C-alpha atoms as a PDB file:
ATOM      1  CA  MET A   1      84.686 276.001 118.804  1.00  0.00           C
ATOM      2  CA  GLY A   2      87.581 273.871 119.652  1.00  0.00           C
ATOM      3  CA  ASN A   3      88.322 273.252 115.826  1.00  0.00           C
ATOM      4  CA  ASP A   4      91.984 274.659 116.121  1.00  0.00           C
ATOM      5  CA  ILE A   5      92.934 272.624 119.107  1.00  0.00           C
ATOM      6  CA  ARG A   6      94.974 269.585 118.328  1.00  0.00           C
ATOM      7  CA  VAL A   7      95.209 266.953 120.988  1.00  0.00           C
ATOM      8  CA  LEU A   8      97.531 264.001 120.499  1.00  0.00           C
ATOM      9  CA  VAL A   9      96.535 260.709 122.424  1.00  0.00           C
ATOM     10  CA  VAL A  10      99.466 258.316 123.067  1.00  0.00           C
ATOM     11  CA  TYR A  11      99.237 254.757 124.213  1.00  0.00           C
ATOM     12  CA  ALA A  12     101.037 251.801 125.035  1.00  0.00           C
ATOM     13  CA  SER A  13      99.142 248.484 124.851  1.00  0.00           C
ATOM     14  CA  ARG A  14     100.398 244.779 124.857  1.00  0.00           C
ATOM     15  CA  TYR A  15      97.036 243.060 123.947  1.00  0.00           C
ATOM     16  CA  GLY A  16      94.723 245.911 122.888  1.00  0.00           C
ATOM     17  CA  SER A  17      92.680 246.894 125.956  1.00  0.00           C
ATOM     18  CA  THR A  18      94.730 250.382 126.652  1.00  0.00           C
ATOM     19  CA  LYS A  19      94.706 251.081 122.824  1.00  0.00           C
ATOM     20  CA  ASP A  20      90.698 250.642 122.766  1.00  0.00           C
ATOM     21  CA  ILE A  21      90.796 252.935 125.813  1.00  0.00           C
ATOM     22  CA  ALA A  22      92.849 255.595 123.985  1.00  0.00           C
ATOM     23  CA  GLN A  23      90.681 255.265 121.024  1.00  0.00           C
ATOM     24  CA  PHE A  24      87.625 255.965 122.871  1.00  0.00           C
ATOM     25  CA  ILE A  25      89.155 259.003 124.548  1.00  0.00           C
ATOM     26  CA  ALA A  26      90.001 260.225 121.224  1.00  0.00           C
ATOM     27  CA  GLY A  27      86.295 259.694 119.975  1.00  0.00           C
ATOM     28  CA  ARG A  28      85.189 261.567 122.934  1.00  0.00           C
ATOM     29  CA  LEU A  29      87.478 264.531 122.168  1.00  0.00           C
ATOM     30  CA  GLU A  30      86.631 264.579 118.824  1.00  0.00           C
ATOM     31  CA  GLU A  31      82.895 265.041 119.618  1.00  0.00           C
ATOM     32  CA  HIS A  32      83.414 268.277 121.237  1.00  0.00           C
ATOM     33  CA  GLY A  33      85.231 269.570 118.196  1.00  0.00           C
ATOM     34  CA  LEU A  34      88.921 268.827 118.910  1.00  0.00           C
ATOM     35  CA  ARG A  35      91.252 267.628 116.289  1.00  0.00           C
ATOM     36  CA  VAL A  36      92.872 264.346 117.671  1.00  0.00           C
ATOM     37  CA  HIS A  37      95.439 262.185 116.534  1.00  0.00           C
ATOM     38  CA  VAL A  38      95.830 258.473 118.069  1.00  0.00           C
ATOM     39  CA  GLN A  39      99.315 256.995 117.990  1.00  0.00           C
ATOM     40  CA  SER A  40     101.254 254.270 119.570  1.00  0.00           C
ATOM     41  CA  ALA A  41     104.205 255.637 121.821  1.00  0.00           C
ATOM     42  CA  SER A  42     106.704 253.870 119.811  1.00  0.00           C
ATOM     43  CA  GLU A  43     105.605 255.763 116.725  1.00  0.00           C
ATOM     44  CA  VAL A  44     105.258 259.252 117.963  1.00  0.00           C
ATOM     45  CA  HIS A  45     108.207 261.425 116.419  1.00  0.00           C
ATOM     46  CA  GLU A  46     106.812 264.787 116.767  1.00  0.00           C
ATOM     47  CA  LEU A  47     105.073 266.871 119.204  1.00  0.00           C
ATOM     48  CA  GLU A  48     105.270 270.489 118.490  1.00  0.00           C
ATOM     49  CA  ARG A  49     102.065 270.604 116.313  1.00  0.00           C
ATOM     50  CA  HIS A  50      99.901 269.408 119.139  1.00  0.00           C
ATOM     51  CA  ASP A  51      98.198 271.595 121.668  1.00  0.00           C
ATOM     52  CA  ALA A  52      97.667 269.179 124.429  1.00  0.00           C
ATOM     53  CA  VAL A  53      98.627 265.541 124.958  1.00  0.00           C
ATOM     54  CA  VAL A  54      96.800 262.528 126.535  1.00  0.00           C
ATOM     55  CA  VAL A  55      99.114 259.684 127.517  1.00  0.00           C
ATOM     56  CA  GLY A  56      98.363 256.219 128.451  1.00  0.00           C
ATOM     57  CA  SER A  57      99.775 252.845 129.344  1.00  0.00           C
ATOM     58  CA  ALA A  58      98.961 249.435 130.378  1.00  0.00           C
ATOM     59  CA  VAL A  59     100.246 248.571 133.776  1.00  0.00           C
ATOM     60  CA  TYR A  60     102.573 245.539 134.557  1.00  0.00           C
ATOM     61  CA  LEU A  61     104.057 244.678 138.075  1.00  0.00           C
ATOM     62  CA  GLY A  62     103.072 248.153 138.981  1.00  0.00           C
ATOM     63  CA  ALA A  63     104.852 249.979 136.015  1.00  0.00           C
ATOM     64  CA  TRP A  64     103.987 251.489 132.656  1.00  0.00           C
ATOM     65  CA  MET A  65     104.907 249.739 129.573  1.00  0.00           C
ATOM     66  CA  LYS A  66     108.547 250.673 128.634  1.00  0.00           C
ATOM     67  CA  GLU A  67     107.774 252.571 125.374  1.00  0.00           C
ATOM     68  CA  ALA A  68     105.128 254.804 127.269  1.00  0.00           C
ATOM     69  CA  ALA A  69     107.642 255.599 130.033  1.00  0.00           C
ATOM     70  CA  GLU A  70     110.568 256.288 127.789  1.00  0.00           C
ATOM     71  CA  PHE A  71     107.744 258.767 125.675  1.00  0.00           C
ATOM     72  CA  VAL A  72     107.307 260.740 128.539  1.00  0.00           C
ATOM     73  CA  ARG A  73     111.081 260.863 129.394  1.00  0.00           C
ATOM     74  CA  ARG A  74     112.196 261.575 126.126  1.00  0.00           C
ATOM     75  CA  ASN A  75     109.564 264.351 125.886  1.00  0.00           C
ATOM     76  CA  ALA A  76     109.444 265.786 129.237  1.00  0.00           C
ATOM     77  CA  ALA A  77     110.548 269.265 128.049  1.00  0.00           C
ATOM     78  CA  ASN A  78     107.956 269.359 125.456  1.00  0.00           C
ATOM     79  CA  LEU A  79     105.185 267.920 127.389  1.00  0.00           C
ATOM     80  CA  SER A  80     105.978 270.384 130.291  1.00  0.00           C
ATOM     81  CA  LYS A  81     105.089 273.047 127.850  1.00  0.00           C
ATOM     82  CA  ARG A  82     101.425 271.988 127.200  1.00  0.00           C
ATOM     83  CA  PRO A  83      98.546 270.676 128.882  1.00  0.00           C
ATOM     84  CA  VAL A  84      98.839 266.775 129.418  1.00  0.00           C
ATOM     85  CA  TRP A  85      96.788 264.012 130.704  1.00  0.00           C
ATOM     86  CA  LEU A  86      97.858 260.542 131.953  1.00  0.00           C
ATOM     87  CA  PHE A  87      95.933 257.430 132.200  1.00  0.00           C
ATOM     88  CA  SER A  88      96.905 253.792 133.057  1.00  0.00           C
ATOM     89  CA  SER A  89      95.043 250.386 132.390  1.00  0.00           C
ATOM     90  CA  GLY A  90      95.462 247.798 134.781  1.00  0.00           C
ATOM     91  CA  PRO A  91      93.632 246.301 137.712  1.00  0.00           C
ATOM     92  CA  LEU A  92      91.607 243.212 136.854  1.00  0.00           C
ATOM     93  CA  GLY A  93      88.303 242.097 138.487  1.00  0.00           C
ATOM     94  CA  THR A  94      85.034 243.548 140.046  1.00  0.00           C
ATOM     95  CA  ALA A  95      86.346 244.432 143.501  1.00  0.00           C
ATOM     96  CA  THR A  96      87.121 247.846 144.047  1.00  0.00           C
ATOM     97  CA  THR A  97      89.199 247.581 146.958  1.00  0.00           C
ATOM     98  CA  ASP A  98      92.207 245.470 148.151  1.00  0.00           C
ATOM     99  CA  GLY A  99      92.417 243.274 151.144  1.00  0.00           C
ATOM    100  CA  GLN A 100      93.370 246.099 153.383  1.00  0.00           C
ATOM    101  CA  GLY A 101      90.142 248.081 152.119  1.00  0.00           C
ATOM    102  CA  ARG A 102      92.183 250.504 149.909  1.00  0.00           C
ATOM    103  CA  ASP A 103      90.787 251.807 146.436  1.00  0.00           C
ATOM    104  CA  LEU A 104      92.267 249.544 143.748  1.00  0.00           C
ATOM    105  CA  ARG A 105      92.792 252.479 141.542  1.00  0.00           C
ATOM    106  CA  VAL A 106      94.719 254.440 144.168  1.00  0.00           C
ATOM    107  CA  VAL A 107      97.022 251.583 145.012  1.00  0.00           C
ATOM    108  CA  SER A 108      97.534 250.456 141.299  1.00  0.00           C
ATOM    109  CA  ARG A 109      99.016 253.732 140.298  1.00  0.00           C
ATOM    110  CA  PRO A 110     102.175 253.040 138.472  1.00  0.00           C
ATOM    111  CA  LYS A 111     105.493 253.900 140.076  1.00  0.00           C
ATOM    112  CA  GLU A 112     106.330 256.319 137.399  1.00  0.00           C
ATOM    113  CA  PHE A 113     103.365 258.815 138.249  1.00  0.00           C
ATOM    114  CA  ILE A 114     105.609 260.568 141.133  1.00  0.00           C
ATOM    115  CA  GLU A 115     108.282 261.096 138.581  1.00  0.00           C
ATOM    116  CA  PHE A 116     106.047 262.431 135.595  1.00  0.00           C
ATOM    117  CA  GLU A 117     104.038 264.603 138.016  1.00  0.00           C
ATOM    118  CA  ALA A 118     107.378 266.396 138.948  1.00  0.00           C
ATOM    119  CA  ALA A 119     108.669 266.527 135.385  1.00  0.00           C
ATOM    120  CA  ILE A 120     105.772 267.312 133.513  1.00  0.00           C
ATOM    121  CA  LYS A 121     102.930 268.366 135.872  1.00  0.00           C
ATOM    122  CA  PRO A 122      99.936 266.749 134.413  1.00  0.00           C
ATOM    123  CA  GLN A 123      96.624 268.088 134.756  1.00  0.00           C
ATOM    124  CA  ASP A 124      95.479 264.934 135.845  1.00  0.00           C
ATOM    125  CA  HIS A 125      96.021 261.261 135.968  1.00  0.00           C
ATOM    126  CA  GLN A 126      93.442 258.447 136.221  1.00  0.00           C
ATOM    127  CA  VAL A 127      93.885 254.591 136.765  1.00  0.00           C
ATOM    128  CA  PHE A 128      91.121 252.666 134.855  1.00  0.00           C
ATOM    129  CA  PHE A 129      90.280 248.989 135.198  1.00  0.00           C
ATOM    130  CA  GLY A 130      91.664 246.804 132.104  1.00  0.00           C
ATOM    131  CA  ALA A 131      90.484 243.744 130.331  1.00  0.00           C
ATOM    132  CA  LEU A 132      92.177 240.345 130.128  1.00  0.00           C
ATOM    133  CA  ASP A 133      91.340 237.829 127.221  1.00  0.00           C
ATOM    134  CA  PRO A 134      93.623 234.764 127.853  1.00  0.00           C
ATOM    135  CA  ALA A 135      93.370 233.800 124.316  1.00  0.00           C
ATOM    136  CA  LYS A 136      95.325 236.919 123.237  1.00  0.00           C
ATOM    137  CA  LEU A 137      98.086 235.932 125.797  1.00  0.00           C
ATOM    138  CA  ARG A 138     101.515 235.284 124.094  1.00  0.00           C
ATOM    139  CA  GLY A 139     104.631 233.690 125.260  1.00  0.00           C
ATOM    140  CA  GLY A 140     105.699 233.923 128.839  1.00  0.00           C
ATOM    141  CA  HIS A 141     102.280 235.595 129.599  1.00  0.00           C
ATOM    142  CA  ARG A 142     100.532 232.696 128.421  1.00  0.00           C
ATOM    143  CA  LEU A 143     102.563 230.142 130.691  1.00  0.00           C
ATOM    144  CA  ILE A 144     102.199 232.504 133.381  1.00  0.00           C
ATOM    145  CA  GLY A 145      98.396 232.799 133.016  1.00  0.00           C
ATOM    146  CA  MET A 146      98.035 229.003 133.278  1.00  0.00           C
ATOM    147  CA  LEU A 147      99.355 228.850 136.616  1.00  0.00           C
ATOM    148  CA  PRO A 148      96.824 228.163 139.683  1.00  0.00           C
ATOM    149  CA  ALA A 149      98.299 231.037 141.521  1.00  0.00           C
ATOM    150  CA  ALA A 150      98.035 233.634 138.656  1.00  0.00           C
ATOM    151  CA  LYS A 151      94.447 232.959 138.135  1.00  0.00           C
ATOM    152  CA  LYS A 152      93.738 234.736 141.252  1.00  0.00           C
ATOM    153  CA  LEU A 153      95.436 237.976 139.873  1.00  0.00           C
ATOM    154  CA  LEU A 154      94.829 237.248 136.135  1.00  0.00           C
ATOM    155  CA  ILE A 155      91.228 237.442 136.241  1.00  0.00           C
ATOM    156  CA  GLU A 156      89.483 236.759 132.874  1.00  0.00           C
ATOM    157  CA  GLY A 157      87.221 239.524 131.583  1.00  0.00           C
ATOM    158  CA  ASP A 158      86.563 243.270 130.413  1.00  0.00           C
ATOM    159  CA  PHE A 159      86.550 245.206 133.667  1.00  0.00           C
ATOM    160  CA  ARG A 160      86.892 248.873 132.031  1.00  0.00           C
ATOM    161  CA  ASP A 161      84.183 251.193 133.033  1.00  0.00           C
ATOM    162  CA  TRP A 162      83.509 252.995 129.854  1.00  0.00           C
ATOM    163  CA  ARG A 163      81.038 255.579 131.734  1.00  0.00           C
ATOM    164  CA  ASP A 164      84.012 256.322 133.925  1.00  0.00           C
ATOM    165  CA  ILE A 165      86.363 256.692 130.953  1.00  0.00           C
ATOM    166  CA  GLU A 166      83.911 258.770 129.072  1.00  0.00           C
ATOM    167  CA  ALA A 167      83.552 261.200 132.082  1.00  0.00           C
ATOM    168  CA  TRP A 168      87.157 261.588 132.038  1.00  0.00           C
ATOM    169  CA  ALA A 169      87.394 262.502 128.555  1.00  0.00           C
ATOM    170  CA  GLY A 170      84.666 264.842 129.025  1.00  0.00           C
ATOM    171  CA  GLY A 171      86.535 266.762 131.611  1.00  0.00           C
ATOM    172  CA  ILE A 172      89.884 266.700 129.408  1.00  0.00           C
ATOM    173  CA  ALA A 173      87.617 268.187 126.478  1.00  0.00           C
ATOM    174  CA  GLU A 174      85.853 270.916 128.921  1.00  0.00           C
ATOM    175  CA  ALA A 175      89.353 272.078 129.991  1.00  0.00           C
ATOM    176  CA  LEU A 176      90.426 272.556 126.675  1.00  0.00           C
ATOM    177  CA  VAL A 177      87.172 274.082 125.345  1.00  0.00           C
ATOM    178  CA  PRO A 178      85.977 276.093 127.860  1.00  0.00           C
ATOM    179  CA  ALA A 179      81.995 276.784 127.555  1.00  0.00           C
ATOM    180  CA  ALA A 180      81.117 279.784 125.338  1.00  0.00           C
ATOM    181  CA  PRO A 181      80.109 282.812 127.595  1.00  0.00           C
ATOM    182  CA  ALA A 182      76.162 283.194 128.235  1.00  0.00           C
ATOM    183  CA  ALA A 183      76.071 286.309 126.406  1.00  0.00           C
ATOM    184  CA  ALA A 184      77.476 284.591 123.369  1.00  0.00           C
ATOM    185  CA  MET A 185      75.017 281.766 123.644  1.00  0.00           C
ATOM    186  CA  ILE A 186      71.858 284.300 123.808  1.00  0.00           C
ATOM    187  CA  ARG A 187      72.492 285.789 120.484  1.00  0.00           C
END
């Protein structure tokens, strides 16, 4: 069951953390019998052959990466005709709330989500904690990462909650491949 449903998982990732999440989600969907194709947002040129789409991006300064946001905007008409799920990768650290006690995943929602919710009406959106390996930083990011003030915000480590990501992917699979009726299971 589910073998005929084709899902495109699209991502924008600067240093690989969000790409890893996209590939993990794809693997979970494949375990449920879905046909999945994973592709960078800048490489996607055709959506029509996919029944559902999952789009994810790393978040920098409260916004999705340019290629992910442009992908959604450029394909809004097509995306609005099929089930779509959105995810972001961003907050770093082990704290789950900010200084005012607000849930970091809620306050870390990228600014584009309001626009995207109106344009494509996604089934769901989720913010996942990210990962930072300073050895992977390049150019200006490497310099910024060396500043003492930045070290408080750019916390080194992998804070992705794979069980949380797996549960979210499972919810997508359940939405796309409903459980067989009980009568059919008894046969």
